[in-house]
Amino acid sequence: MLDVTPGFISQVKKAYETAGTAGLTLKYQGTQPYLAEDERQAVISWLKAQQEWSIERLHDYLATTYGVIFQSRQSYYQLLAEAEITYKQAQRSNPKGDPERVAAKKKRSSTN
């Protein structure tokens, strides 16, 4: 009914007999984070100070500054989210507000 092995039942029974209900608690504490809390806050401050963002730029910054390379891109997305930046956001300000940037963007798109 529980889909567990008899060996598991005997382990749990032995833990209960030796330590009571405290023996039934999980011992798993989780893994240590790659960045300490103060380092994480420093990265978020760095992100907020940047004019443009990209996952590659964040990856390079973390690798050179802290020696941290995340296995999953999701970790980089979480840092960007904590800094209140969407990973799809490419510019801090709207280029429509700057006529020179609008003209440059039109020129680039017309050449493609």
PDB file of N, CA and C in Angstrom:
ATOM      1  N   MET A   1       0.819  -1.184   0.000  1.00  0.00           N
ATOM      2  CA  MET A   1       0.000   0.000   0.000  1.00  0.00           C
ATOM      3  C   MET A   1       0.876   1.265   0.000  1.00  0.00           C
ATOM      4  N   LEU A   2       1.949   1.308   0.745  1.00  0.00           N
ATOM      5  CA  LEU A   2       2.828   2.473   0.785  1.00  0.00           C
ATOM      6  C   LEU A   2       3.899   2.425  -0.296  1.00  0.00           C
ATOM      7  N   ASP A   3       4.070   1.286  -0.929  1.00  0.00           N
ATOM      8  CA  ASP A   3       5.064   1.099  -1.974  1.00  0.00           C
ATOM      9  C   ASP A   3       6.480   1.363  -1.458  1.00  0.00           C
ATOM     10  N   VAL A   4       6.799   0.783  -0.290  1.00  0.00           N
ATOM     11  CA  VAL A   4       8.145   0.854   0.272  1.00  0.00           C
ATOM     12  C   VAL A   4       8.645  -0.567   0.520  1.00  0.00           C
ATOM     13  N   THR A   5       9.955  -0.680   0.620  1.00  0.00           N
ATOM     14  CA  THR A   5      10.551  -2.002   0.814  1.00  0.00           C
ATOM     15  C   THR A   5      10.519  -2.398   2.292  1.00  0.00           C
ATOM     16  N   PRO A   6      10.592  -3.704   2.570  1.00  0.00           N
ATOM     17  CA  PRO A   6      10.660  -4.145   3.971  1.00  0.00           C
ATOM     18  C   PRO A   6      11.904  -3.602   4.685  1.00  0.00           C
ATOM     19  N   GLY A   7      13.006  -3.408   3.939  1.00  0.00           N
ATOM     20  CA  GLY A   7      14.220  -2.849   4.533  1.00  0.00           C
ATOM     21  C   GLY A   7      13.998  -1.429   5.035  1.00  0.00           C
ATOM     22  N   PHE A   8      13.230  -0.649   4.282  1.00  0.00           N
ATOM     23  CA  PHE A   8      12.921   0.715   4.705  1.00  0.00           C
ATOM     24  C   PHE A   8      12.083   0.705   5.981  1.00  0.00           C
ATOM     25  N   ILE A   9      11.118  -0.203   6.045  1.00  0.00           N
ATOM     26  CA  ILE A   9      10.267  -0.312   7.241  1.00  0.00           C
ATOM     27  C   ILE A   9      11.110  -0.654   8.461  1.00  0.00           C
ATOM     28  N   SER A  10      12.053  -1.573   8.303  1.00  0.00           N
ATOM     29  CA  SER A  10      12.880  -1.952   9.452  1.00  0.00           C
ATOM     30  C   SER A  10      13.804  -0.804   9.870  1.00  0.00           C
ATOM     31  N   GLN A  11      14.289  -0.012   8.920  1.00  0.00           N
ATOM     32  CA  GLN A  11      15.126   1.151   9.257  1.00  0.00           C
ATOM     33  C   GLN A  11      14.326   2.188  10.042  1.00  0.00           C
ATOM     34  N   VAL A  12      13.113   2.460   9.600  1.00  0.00           N
ATOM     35  CA  VAL A  12      12.271   3.443  10.271  1.00  0.00           C
ATOM     36  C   VAL A  12      11.896   2.950  11.659  1.00  0.00           C
ATOM     37  N   LYS A  13      11.587   1.674  11.767  1.00  0.00           N
ATOM     38  CA  LYS A  13      11.219   1.090  13.065  1.00  0.00           C
ATOM     39  C   LYS A  13      12.393   1.177  14.041  1.00  0.00           C
ATOM     40  N   LYS A  14      13.596   0.876  13.565  1.00  0.00           N
ATOM     41  CA  LYS A  14      14.787   0.945  14.409  1.00  0.00           C
ATOM     42  C   LYS A  14      15.069   2.391  14.841  1.00  0.00           C
ATOM     43  N   ALA A  15      14.918   3.345  13.914  1.00  0.00           N
ATOM     44  CA  ALA A  15      15.128   4.759  14.246  1.00  0.00           C
ATOM     45  C   ALA A  15      14.127   5.214  15.292  1.00  0.00           C
ATOM     46  N   TYR A  16      12.885   4.772  15.185  1.00  0.00           N
ATOM     47  CA  TYR A  16      11.864   5.150  16.159  1.00  0.00           C
ATOM     48  C   TYR A  16      12.147   4.539  17.529  1.00  0.00           C
ATOM     49  N   GLU A  17      12.598   3.285  17.540  1.00  0.00           N
ATOM     50  CA  GLU A  17      12.887   2.614  18.812  1.00  0.00           C
ATOM     51  C   GLU A  17      14.082   3.234  19.531  1.00  0.00           C
ATOM     52  N   THR A  18      15.071   3.710  18.790  1.00  0.00           N
ATOM     53  CA  THR A  18      16.261   4.277  19.426  1.00  0.00           C
ATOM     54  C   THR A  18      16.112   5.759  19.777  1.00  0.00           C
ATOM     55  N   ALA A  19      15.420   6.555  18.929  1.00  0.00           N
ATOM     56  CA  ALA A  19      15.367   8.006  19.171  1.00  0.00           C
ATOM     57  C   ALA A  19      13.953   8.557  19.299  1.00  0.00           C
ATOM     58  N   GLY A  20      12.945   7.709  19.250  1.00  0.00           N
ATOM     59  CA  GLY A  20      11.572   8.199  19.339  1.00  0.00           C
ATOM     60  C   GLY A  20      11.176   8.938  18.067  1.00  0.00           C
ATOM     61  N   THR A  21      10.262   9.896  18.204  1.00  0.00           N
ATOM     62  CA  THR A  21       9.789  10.629  17.019  1.00  0.00           C
ATOM     63  C   THR A  21      10.888  11.495  16.413  1.00  0.00           C
ATOM     64  N   ALA A  22      11.882  11.896  17.214  1.00  0.00           N
ATOM     65  CA  ALA A  22      12.994  12.686  16.677  1.00  0.00           C
ATOM     66  C   ALA A  22      13.797  11.874  15.661  1.00  0.00           C
ATOM     67  N   GLY A  23      13.803  10.569  15.786  1.00  0.00           N
ATOM     68  CA  GLY A  23      14.505   9.711  14.843  1.00  0.00           C
ATOM     69  C   GLY A  23      13.821   9.630  13.495  1.00  0.00           C
ATOM     70  N   LEU A  24      12.579  10.082  13.409  1.00  0.00           N
ATOM     71  CA  LEU A  24      11.824  10.018  12.161  1.00  0.00           C
ATOM     72  C   LEU A  24      11.956  11.286  11.320  1.00  0.00           C
ATOM     73  N   THR A  25      12.582  12.317  11.867  1.00  0.00           N
ATOM     74  CA  THR A  25      12.722  13.567  11.111  1.00  0.00           C
ATOM     75  C   THR A  25      13.756  13.415  10.005  1.00  0.00           C
ATOM     76  N   LEU A  26      13.611  14.241   8.984  1.00  0.00           N
ATOM     77  CA  LEU A  26      14.550  14.203   7.871  1.00  0.00           C
ATOM     78  C   LEU A  26      15.893  14.782   8.296  1.00  0.00           C
ATOM     79  N   LYS A  27      16.943  14.172   7.853  1.00  0.00           N
ATOM     80  CA  LYS A  27      18.293  14.629   8.184  1.00  0.00           C
ATOM     81  C   LYS A  27      18.889  15.503   7.078  1.00  0.00           C
ATOM     82  N   TYR A  28      18.212  15.567   5.942  1.00  0.00           N
ATOM     83  CA  TYR A  28      18.735  16.310   4.800  1.00  0.00           C
ATOM     84  C   TYR A  28      18.662  17.806   5.086  1.00  0.00           C
ATOM     85  N   GLN A  29      19.778  18.499   4.952  1.00  0.00           N
ATOM     86  CA  GLN A  29      19.849  19.925   5.226  1.00  0.00           C
ATOM     87  C   GLN A  29      19.884  20.774   3.958  1.00  0.00           C
ATOM     88  N   GLY A  30      19.990  20.168   2.802  1.00  0.00           N
ATOM     89  CA  GLY A  30      20.078  20.919   1.555  1.00  0.00           C
ATOM     90  C   GLY A  30      21.529  21.202   1.213  1.00  0.00           C
ATOM     91  N   THR A  31      21.732  21.819   0.073  1.00  0.00           N
ATOM     92  CA  THR A  31      23.089  22.147  -0.364  1.00  0.00           C
ATOM     93  C   THR A  31      23.410  23.597  -0.021  1.00  0.00           C
ATOM     94  N   GLN A  32      24.684  23.888   0.076  1.00  0.00           N
ATOM     95  CA  GLN A  32      25.134  25.245   0.343  1.00  0.00           C
ATOM     96  C   GLN A  32      25.000  26.075  -0.931  1.00  0.00           C
ATOM     97  N   PRO A  33      24.567  27.319  -0.818  1.00  0.00           N
ATOM     98  CA  PRO A  33      24.466  28.151  -2.021  1.00  0.00           C
ATOM     99  C   PRO A  33      25.852  28.513  -2.556  1.00  0.00           C
ATOM    100  N   TYR A  34      25.911  28.776  -3.851  1.00  0.00           N
ATOM    101  CA  TYR A  34      27.179  29.155  -4.477  1.00  0.00           C
ATOM    102  C   TYR A  34      27.636  30.531  -4.017  1.00  0.00           C
ATOM    103  N   LEU A  35      26.668  31.436  -3.792  1.00  0.00           N
ATOM    104  CA  LEU A  35      26.986  32.792  -3.361  1.00  0.00           C
ATOM    105  C   LEU A  35      26.484  33.011  -1.939  1.00  0.00           C
ATOM    106  N   ALA A  36      27.320  33.625  -1.102  1.00  0.00           N
ATOM    107  CA  ALA A  36      26.879  34.006   0.232  1.00  0.00           C
ATOM    108  C   ALA A  36      25.865  35.142   0.088  1.00  0.00           C
ATOM    109  N   GLU A  37      25.101  35.404   1.128  1.00  0.00           N
ATOM    110  CA  GLU A  37      24.053  36.419   1.044  1.00  0.00           C
ATOM    111  C   GLU A  37      24.610  37.804   0.720  1.00  0.00           C
ATOM    112  N   ASP A  38      25.744  38.173   1.320  1.00  0.00           N
ATOM    113  CA  ASP A  38      26.326  39.485   1.022  1.00  0.00           C
ATOM    114  C   ASP A  38      26.840  39.550  -0.418  1.00  0.00           C
ATOM    115  N   GLU A  39      27.365  38.439  -0.924  1.00  0.00           N
ATOM    116  CA  GLU A  39      27.809  38.392  -2.321  1.00  0.00           C
ATOM    117  C   GLU A  39      26.618  38.519  -3.267  1.00  0.00           C
ATOM    118  N   ARG A  40      25.530  37.850  -2.899  1.00  0.00           N
ATOM    119  CA  ARG A  40      24.311  37.901  -3.714  1.00  0.00           C
ATOM    120  C   ARG A  40      23.783  39.337  -3.784  1.00  0.00           C
ATOM    121  N   GLN A  41      23.786  40.034  -2.651  1.00  0.00           N
ATOM    122  CA  GLN A  41      23.333  41.424  -2.625  1.00  0.00           C
ATOM    123  C   GLN A  41      24.260  42.323  -3.450  1.00  0.00           C
ATOM    124  N   ALA A  42      25.562  42.030  -3.417  1.00  0.00           N
ATOM    125  CA  ALA A  42      26.516  42.801  -4.216  1.00  0.00           C
ATOM    126  C   ALA A  42      26.258  42.600  -5.704  1.00  0.00           C
ATOM    127  N   VAL A  43      25.930  41.384  -6.105  1.00  0.00           N
ATOM    128  CA  VAL A  43      25.625  41.096  -7.514  1.00  0.00           C
ATOM    129  C   VAL A  43      24.356  41.834  -7.928  1.00  0.00           C
ATOM    130  N   ILE A  44      23.355  41.847  -7.065  1.00  0.00           N
ATOM    131  CA  ILE A  44      22.101  42.536  -7.372  1.00  0.00           C
ATOM    132  C   ILE A  44      22.351  44.036  -7.503  1.00  0.00           C
ATOM    133  N   SER A  45      23.174  44.594  -6.629  1.00  0.00           N
ATOM    134  CA  SER A  45      23.523  46.012  -6.727  1.00  0.00           C
ATOM    135  C   SER A  45      24.264  46.300  -8.026  1.00  0.00           C
ATOM    136  N   TRP A  46      25.169  45.397  -8.397  1.00  0.00           N
ATOM    137  CA  TRP A  46      25.911  45.557  -9.658  1.00  0.00           C
ATOM    138  C   TRP A  46      24.944  45.544 -10.840  1.00  0.00           C
ATOM    139  N   LEU A  47      23.980  44.618 -10.814  1.00  0.00           N
ATOM    140  CA  LEU A  47      23.011  44.532 -11.902  1.00  0.00           C
ATOM    141  C   LEU A  47      22.194  45.811 -12.025  1.00  0.00           C
ATOM    142  N   LYS A  48      21.771  46.345 -10.894  1.00  0.00           N
ATOM    143  CA  LYS A  48      20.956  47.558 -10.927  1.00  0.00           C
ATOM    144  C   LYS A  48      21.739  48.760 -11.454  1.00  0.00           C
ATOM    145  N   ALA A  49      23.058  48.730 -11.304  1.00  0.00           N
ATOM    146  CA  ALA A  49      23.891  49.846 -11.754  1.00  0.00           C
ATOM    147  C   ALA A  49      24.196  49.773 -13.253  1.00  0.00           C
ATOM    148  N   GLN A  50      23.931  48.633 -13.889  1.00  0.00           N
ATOM    149  CA  GLN A  50      24.253  48.455 -15.303  1.00  0.00           C
ATOM    150  C   GLN A  50      23.215  49.127 -16.192  1.00  0.00           C
ATOM    151  N   GLN A  51      23.662  49.607 -17.349  1.00  0.00           N
ATOM    152  CA  GLN A  51      22.765  50.212 -18.330  1.00  0.00           C
ATOM    153  C   GLN A  51      22.106  49.152 -19.217  1.00  0.00           C
ATOM    154  N   GLU A  52      22.835  48.077 -19.510  1.00  0.00           N
ATOM    155  CA  GLU A  52      22.315  46.994 -20.339  1.00  0.00           C
ATOM    156  C   GLU A  52      22.645  45.669 -19.662  1.00  0.00           C
ATOM    157  N   TRP A  53      21.789  44.666 -19.885  1.00  0.00           N
ATOM    158  CA  TRP A  53      21.979  43.379 -19.244  1.00  0.00           C
ATOM    159  C   TRP A  53      21.968  42.267 -20.278  1.00  0.00           C
ATOM    160  N   SER A  54      22.642  41.188 -19.929  1.00  0.00           N
ATOM    161  CA  SER A  54      22.519  39.949 -20.694  1.00  0.00           C
ATOM    162  C   SER A  54      22.983  38.812 -19.785  1.00  0.00           C
ATOM    163  N   ILE A  55      22.503  37.638 -20.084  1.00  0.00           N
ATOM    164  CA  ILE A  55      22.890  36.464 -19.302  1.00  0.00           C
ATOM    165  C   ILE A  55      24.389  36.231 -19.440  1.00  0.00           C
ATOM    166  N   GLU A  56      24.919  36.423 -20.635  1.00  0.00           N
ATOM    167  CA  GLU A  56      26.345  36.199 -20.871  1.00  0.00           C
ATOM    168  C   GLU A  56      27.194  37.175 -20.052  1.00  0.00           C
ATOM    169  N   ARG A  57      26.753  38.422 -19.994  1.00  0.00           N
ATOM    170  CA  ARG A  57      27.494  39.425 -19.217  1.00  0.00           C
ATOM    171  C   ARG A  57      27.459  39.098 -17.726  1.00  0.00           C
ATOM    172  N   LEU A  58      26.293  38.680 -17.231  1.00  0.00           N
ATOM    173  CA  LEU A  58      26.172  38.269 -15.826  1.00  0.00           C
ATOM    174  C   LEU A  58      27.027  37.036 -15.557  1.00  0.00           C
ATOM    175  N   HIS A  59      27.023  36.088 -16.483  1.00  0.00           N
ATOM    176  CA  HIS A  59      27.843  34.879 -16.362  1.00  0.00           C
ATOM    177  C   HIS A  59      29.318  35.249 -16.235  1.00  0.00           C
ATOM    178  N   ASP A  60      29.792  36.135 -17.118  1.00  0.00           N
ATOM    179  CA  ASP A  60      31.202  36.544 -17.088  1.00  0.00           C
ATOM    180  C   ASP A  60      31.550  37.268 -15.791  1.00  0.00           C
ATOM    181  N   TYR A  61      30.654  38.138 -15.329  1.00  0.00           N
ATOM    182  CA  TYR A  61      30.892  38.880 -14.086  1.00  0.00           C
ATOM    183  C   TYR A  61      31.013  37.921 -12.895  1.00  0.00           C
ATOM    184  N   LEU A  62      30.092  36.970 -12.795  1.00  0.00           N
ATOM    185  CA  LEU A  62      30.127  36.019 -11.680  1.00  0.00           C
ATOM    186  C   LEU A  62      31.370  35.130 -11.743  1.00  0.00           C
ATOM    187  N   ALA A  63      31.746  34.717 -12.954  1.00  0.00           N
ATOM    188  CA  ALA A  63      32.909  33.845 -13.109  1.00  0.00           C
ATOM    189  C   ALA A  63      34.200  34.565 -12.730  1.00  0.00           C
ATOM    190  N   THR A  64      34.346  35.811 -13.159  1.00  0.00           N
ATOM    191  CA  THR A  64      35.597  36.530 -12.880  1.00  0.00           C
ATOM    192  C   THR A  64      35.647  37.066 -11.454  1.00  0.00           C
ATOM    193  N   THR A  65      34.525  37.533 -10.929  1.00  0.00           N
ATOM    194  CA  THR A  65      34.520  38.152  -9.603  1.00  0.00           C
ATOM    195  C   THR A  65      34.466  37.126  -8.474  1.00  0.00           C
ATOM    196  N   TYR A  66      33.588  36.133  -8.601  1.00  0.00           N
ATOM    197  CA  TYR A  66      33.365  35.178  -7.508  1.00  0.00           C
ATOM    198  C   TYR A  66      33.781  33.753  -7.845  1.00  0.00           C
ATOM    199  N   GLY A  67      34.142  33.500  -9.087  1.00  0.00           N
ATOM    200  CA  GLY A  67      34.518  32.142  -9.479  1.00  0.00           C
ATOM    201  C   GLY A  67      33.326  31.202  -9.499  1.00  0.00           C
ATOM    202  N   VAL A  68      32.132  31.745  -9.752  1.00  0.00           N
ATOM    203  CA  VAL A  68      30.902  30.954  -9.732  1.00  0.00           C
ATOM    204  C   VAL A  68      30.367  30.824 -11.148  1.00  0.00           C
ATOM    205  N   ILE A  69      30.109  29.575 -11.543  1.00  0.00           N
ATOM    206  CA  ILE A  69      29.462  29.299 -12.822  1.00  0.00           C
ATOM    207  C   ILE A  69      28.288  28.373 -12.528  1.00  0.00           C
ATOM    208  N   PHE A  70      27.082  28.880 -12.752  1.00  0.00           N
ATOM    209  CA  PHE A  70      25.892  28.076 -12.506  1.00  0.00           C
ATOM    210  C   PHE A  70      25.709  27.063 -13.616  1.00  0.00           C
ATOM    211  N   GLN A  71      25.170  25.895 -13.265  1.00  0.00           N
ATOM    212  CA  GLN A  71      24.926  24.854 -14.255  1.00  0.00           C
ATOM    213  C   GLN A  71      23.688  25.158 -15.083  1.00  0.00           C
ATOM    214  N   SER A  72      22.734  25.844 -14.484  1.00  0.00           N
ATOM    215  CA  SER A  72      21.473  26.122 -15.150  1.00  0.00           C
ATOM    216  C   SER A  72      21.312  27.621 -15.391  1.00  0.00           C
ATOM    217  N   ARG A  73      20.739  27.967 -16.523  1.00  0.00           N
ATOM    218  CA  ARG A  73      20.465  29.381 -16.820  1.00  0.00           C
ATOM    219  C   ARG A  73      19.413  29.939 -15.865  1.00  0.00           C
ATOM    220  N   GLN A  74      18.603  29.067 -15.285  1.00  0.00           N
ATOM    221  CA  GLN A  74      17.560  29.498 -14.367  1.00  0.00           C
ATOM    222  C   GLN A  74      18.141  30.267 -13.183  1.00  0.00           C
ATOM    223  N   SER A  75      19.332  29.909 -12.743  1.00  0.00           N
ATOM    224  CA  SER A  75      19.969  30.618 -11.628  1.00  0.00           C
ATOM    225  C   SER A  75      20.277  32.062 -12.006  1.00  0.00           C
ATOM    226  N   TYR A  76      20.675  32.277 -13.241  1.00  0.00           N
ATOM    227  CA  TYR A  76      20.925  33.640 -13.706  1.00  0.00           C
ATOM    228  C   TYR A  76      19.611  34.417 -13.810  1.00  0.00           C
ATOM    229  N   TYR A  77      18.564  33.745 -14.281  1.00  0.00           N
ATOM    230  CA  TYR A  77      17.255  34.383 -14.373  1.00  0.00           C
ATOM    231  C   TYR A  77      16.752  34.796 -12.989  1.00  0.00           C
ATOM    232  N   GLN A  78      17.012  33.963 -11.979  1.00  0.00           N
ATOM    233  CA  GLN A  78      16.586  34.291 -10.622  1.00  0.00           C
ATOM    234  C   GLN A  78      17.313  35.520 -10.090  1.00  0.00           C
ATOM    235  N   LEU A  79      18.604  35.631 -10.382  1.00  0.00           N
ATOM    236  CA  LEU A  79      19.344  36.824  -9.960  1.00  0.00           C
ATOM    237  C   LEU A  79      18.787  38.078 -10.637  1.00  0.00           C
ATOM    238  N   LEU A  80      18.498  37.972 -11.921  1.00  0.00           N
ATOM    239  CA  LEU A  80      17.918  39.103 -12.634  1.00  0.00           C
ATOM    240  C   LEU A  80      16.543  39.464 -12.058  1.00  0.00           C
ATOM    241  N   ALA A  81      15.759  38.457 -11.715  1.00  0.00           N
ATOM    242  CA  ALA A  81      14.436  38.710 -11.144  1.00  0.00           C
ATOM    243  C   ALA A  81      14.556  39.391  -9.778  1.00  0.00           C
ATOM    244  N   GLU A  82      15.534  38.984  -8.976  1.00  0.00           N
ATOM    245  CA  GLU A  82      15.743  39.620  -7.675  1.00  0.00           C
ATOM    246  C   GLU A  82      16.151  41.080  -7.826  1.00  0.00           C
ATOM    247  N   ALA A  83      16.819  41.391  -8.922  1.00  0.00           N
ATOM    248  CA  ALA A  83      17.209  42.775  -9.197  1.00  0.00           C
ATOM    249  C   ALA A  83      16.080  43.524  -9.906  1.00  0.00           C
ATOM    250  N   GLU A  84      14.914  42.863 -10.044  1.00  0.00           N
ATOM    251  CA  GLU A  84      13.733  43.427 -10.688  1.00  0.00           C
ATOM    252  C   GLU A  84      13.991  43.761 -12.157  1.00  0.00           C
ATOM    253  N   ILE A  85      14.688  42.841 -12.825  1.00  0.00           N
ATOM    254  CA  ILE A  85      15.001  42.973 -14.244  1.00  0.00           C
ATOM    255  C   ILE A  85      14.496  41.712 -14.927  1.00  0.00           C
ATOM    256  N   THR A  86      13.756  41.869 -15.991  1.00  0.00           N
ATOM    257  CA  THR A  86      13.363  40.689 -16.748  1.00  0.00           C
ATOM    258  C   THR A  86      14.506  40.338 -17.681  1.00  0.00           C
ATOM    259  N   TYR A  87      14.768  39.067 -17.867  1.00  0.00           N
ATOM    260  CA  TYR A  87      15.894  38.658 -18.699  1.00  0.00           C
ATOM    261  C   TYR A  87      15.666  38.996 -20.163  1.00  0.00           C
ATOM    262  N   LYS A  88      14.448  39.307 -20.550  1.00  0.00           N
ATOM    263  CA  LYS A  88      14.152  39.678 -21.927  1.00  0.00           C
ATOM    264  C   LYS A  88      14.382  41.169 -22.167  1.00  0.00           C
ATOM    265  N   GLN A  89      14.537  41.917 -21.075  1.00  0.00           N
ATOM    266  CA  GLN A  89      14.707  43.359 -21.184  1.00  0.00           C
ATOM    267  C   GLN A  89      16.100  43.681 -21.717  1.00  0.00           C
ATOM    268  N   ALA A  90      16.168  44.435 -22.784  1.00  0.00           N
ATOM    269  CA  ALA A  90      17.457  44.706 -23.402  1.00  0.00           C
ATOM    270  C   ALA A  90      17.954  46.111 -23.116  1.00  0.00           C
ATOM    271  N   GLN A  91      17.052  47.032 -22.844  1.00  0.00           N
ATOM    272  CA  GLN A  91      17.441  48.416 -22.646  1.00  0.00           C
ATOM    273  C   GLN A  91      16.748  48.967 -21.411  1.00  0.00           C
ATOM    274  N   ARG A  92      17.461  49.833 -20.695  1.00  0.00           N
ATOM    275  CA  ARG A  92      16.866  50.446 -19.519  1.00  0.00           C
ATOM    276  C   ARG A  92      15.887  51.546 -19.926  1.00  0.00           C
ATOM    277  N   SER A  93      16.209  52.315 -20.959  1.00  0.00           N
ATOM    278  CA  SER A  93      15.349  53.422 -21.361  1.00  0.00           C
ATOM    279  C   SER A  93      14.769  53.158 -22.740  1.00  0.00           C
ATOM    280  N   ASN A  94      13.667  53.789 -22.995  1.00  0.00           N
ATOM    281  CA  ASN A  94      12.989  53.624 -24.263  1.00  0.00           C
ATOM    282  C   ASN A  94      13.750  54.395 -25.345  1.00  0.00           C
ATOM    283  N   PRO A  95      14.150  53.760 -26.441  1.00  0.00           N
ATOM    284  CA  PRO A  95      14.906  54.463 -27.474  1.00  0.00           C
ATOM    285  C   PRO A  95      14.074  55.535 -28.175  1.00  0.00           C
ATOM    286  N   LYS A  96      12.758  55.489 -28.048  1.00  0.00           N
ATOM    287  CA  LYS A  96      11.909  56.495 -28.681  1.00  0.00           C
ATOM    288  C   LYS A  96      12.135  57.872 -28.064  1.00  0.00           C
ATOM    289  N   GLY A  97      12.648  57.904 -26.841  1.00  0.00           N
ATOM    290  CA  GLY A  97      12.900  59.170 -26.174  1.00  0.00           C
ATOM    291  C   GLY A  97      14.153  59.854 -26.683  1.00  0.00           C
ATOM    292  N   ASP A  98      15.015  59.163 -27.390  1.00  0.00           N
ATOM    293  CA  ASP A  98      16.265  59.721 -27.894  1.00  0.00           C
ATOM    294  C   ASP A  98      16.259  59.637 -29.424  1.00  0.00           C
ATOM    295  N   PRO A  99      16.066  60.752 -30.112  1.00  0.00           N
ATOM    296  CA  PRO A  99      15.963  60.728 -31.584  1.00  0.00           C
ATOM    297  C   PRO A  99      17.192  60.137 -32.271  1.00  0.00           C
ATOM    298  N   GLU A 100      18.388  60.341 -31.706  1.00  0.00           N
ATOM    299  CA  GLU A 100      19.601  59.800 -32.329  1.00  0.00           C
ATOM    300  C   GLU A 100      19.590  58.276 -32.305  1.00  0.00           C
ATOM    301  N   ARG A 101      19.163  57.718 -31.190  1.00  0.00           N
ATOM    302  CA  ARG A 101      19.113  56.254 -31.089  1.00  0.00           C
ATOM    303  C   ARG A 101      18.048  55.683 -32.009  1.00  0.00           C
ATOM    304  N   VAL A 102      16.922  56.389 -32.139  1.00  0.00           N
ATOM    305  CA  VAL A 102      15.862  55.932 -33.045  1.00  0.00           C
ATOM    306  C   VAL A 102      16.383  55.920 -34.473  1.00  0.00           C
ATOM    307  N   ALA A 103      17.081  56.976 -34.864  1.00  0.00           N
ATOM    308  CA  ALA A 103      17.626  57.051 -36.214  1.00  0.00           C
ATOM    309  C   ALA A 103      18.649  55.943 -36.449  1.00  0.00           C
ATOM    310  N   ALA A 104      19.491  55.683 -35.466  1.00  0.00           N
ATOM    311  CA  ALA A 104      20.496  54.620 -35.594  1.00  0.00           C
ATOM    312  C   ALA A 104      19.818  53.264 -35.732  1.00  0.00           C
ATOM    313  N   LYS A 105      18.759  53.047 -34.972  1.00  0.00           N
ATOM    314  CA  LYS A 105      18.059  51.769 -35.034  1.00  0.00           C
ATOM    315  C   LYS A 105      17.363  51.594 -36.389  1.00  0.00           C
ATOM    316  N   LYS A 106      16.773  52.680 -36.909  1.00  0.00           N
ATOM    317  CA  LYS A 106      16.132  52.612 -38.225  1.00  0.00           C
ATOM    318  C   LYS A 106      17.161  52.305 -39.303  1.00  0.00           C
ATOM    319  N   LYS A 107      18.340  52.927 -39.175  1.00  0.00           N
ATOM    320  CA  LYS A 107      19.392  52.709 -40.167  1.00  0.00           C
ATOM    321  C   LYS A 107      19.852  51.258 -40.154  1.00  0.00           C
ATOM    322  N   ARG A 108      20.008  50.677 -38.955  1.00  0.00           N
ATOM    323  CA  ARG A 108      20.409  49.269 -38.847  1.00  0.00           C
ATOM    324  C   ARG A 108      19.367  48.357 -39.434  1.00  0.00           C
ATOM    325  N   SER A 109      18.095  48.616 -39.148  1.00  0.00           N
ATOM    326  CA  SER A 109      17.040  47.719 -39.635  1.00  0.00           C
ATOM    327  C   SER A 109      16.839  47.847 -41.138  1.00  0.00           C
ATOM    328  N   SER A 110      17.105  49.001 -41.704  1.00  0.00           N
ATOM    329  CA  SER A 110      16.934  49.160 -43.154  1.00  0.00           C
ATOM    330  C   SER A 110      18.055  48.488 -43.939  1.00  0.00           C
ATOM    331  N   THR A 111      19.232  48.321 -43.306  1.00  0.00           N
ATOM    332  CA  THR A 111      20.348  47.663 -43.995  1.00  0.00           C
ATOM    333  C   THR A 111      20.204  46.154 -43.965  1.00  0.00           C
ATOM    334  N   ASN A 112      19.373  45.619 -43.073  1.00  0.00           N
ATOM    335  CA  ASN A 112      19.215  44.160 -42.980  1.00  0.00           C
ATOM    336  C   ASN A 112      18.285  43.679 -43.989  1.00  0.00           C
TER     337      ASN A 112
END
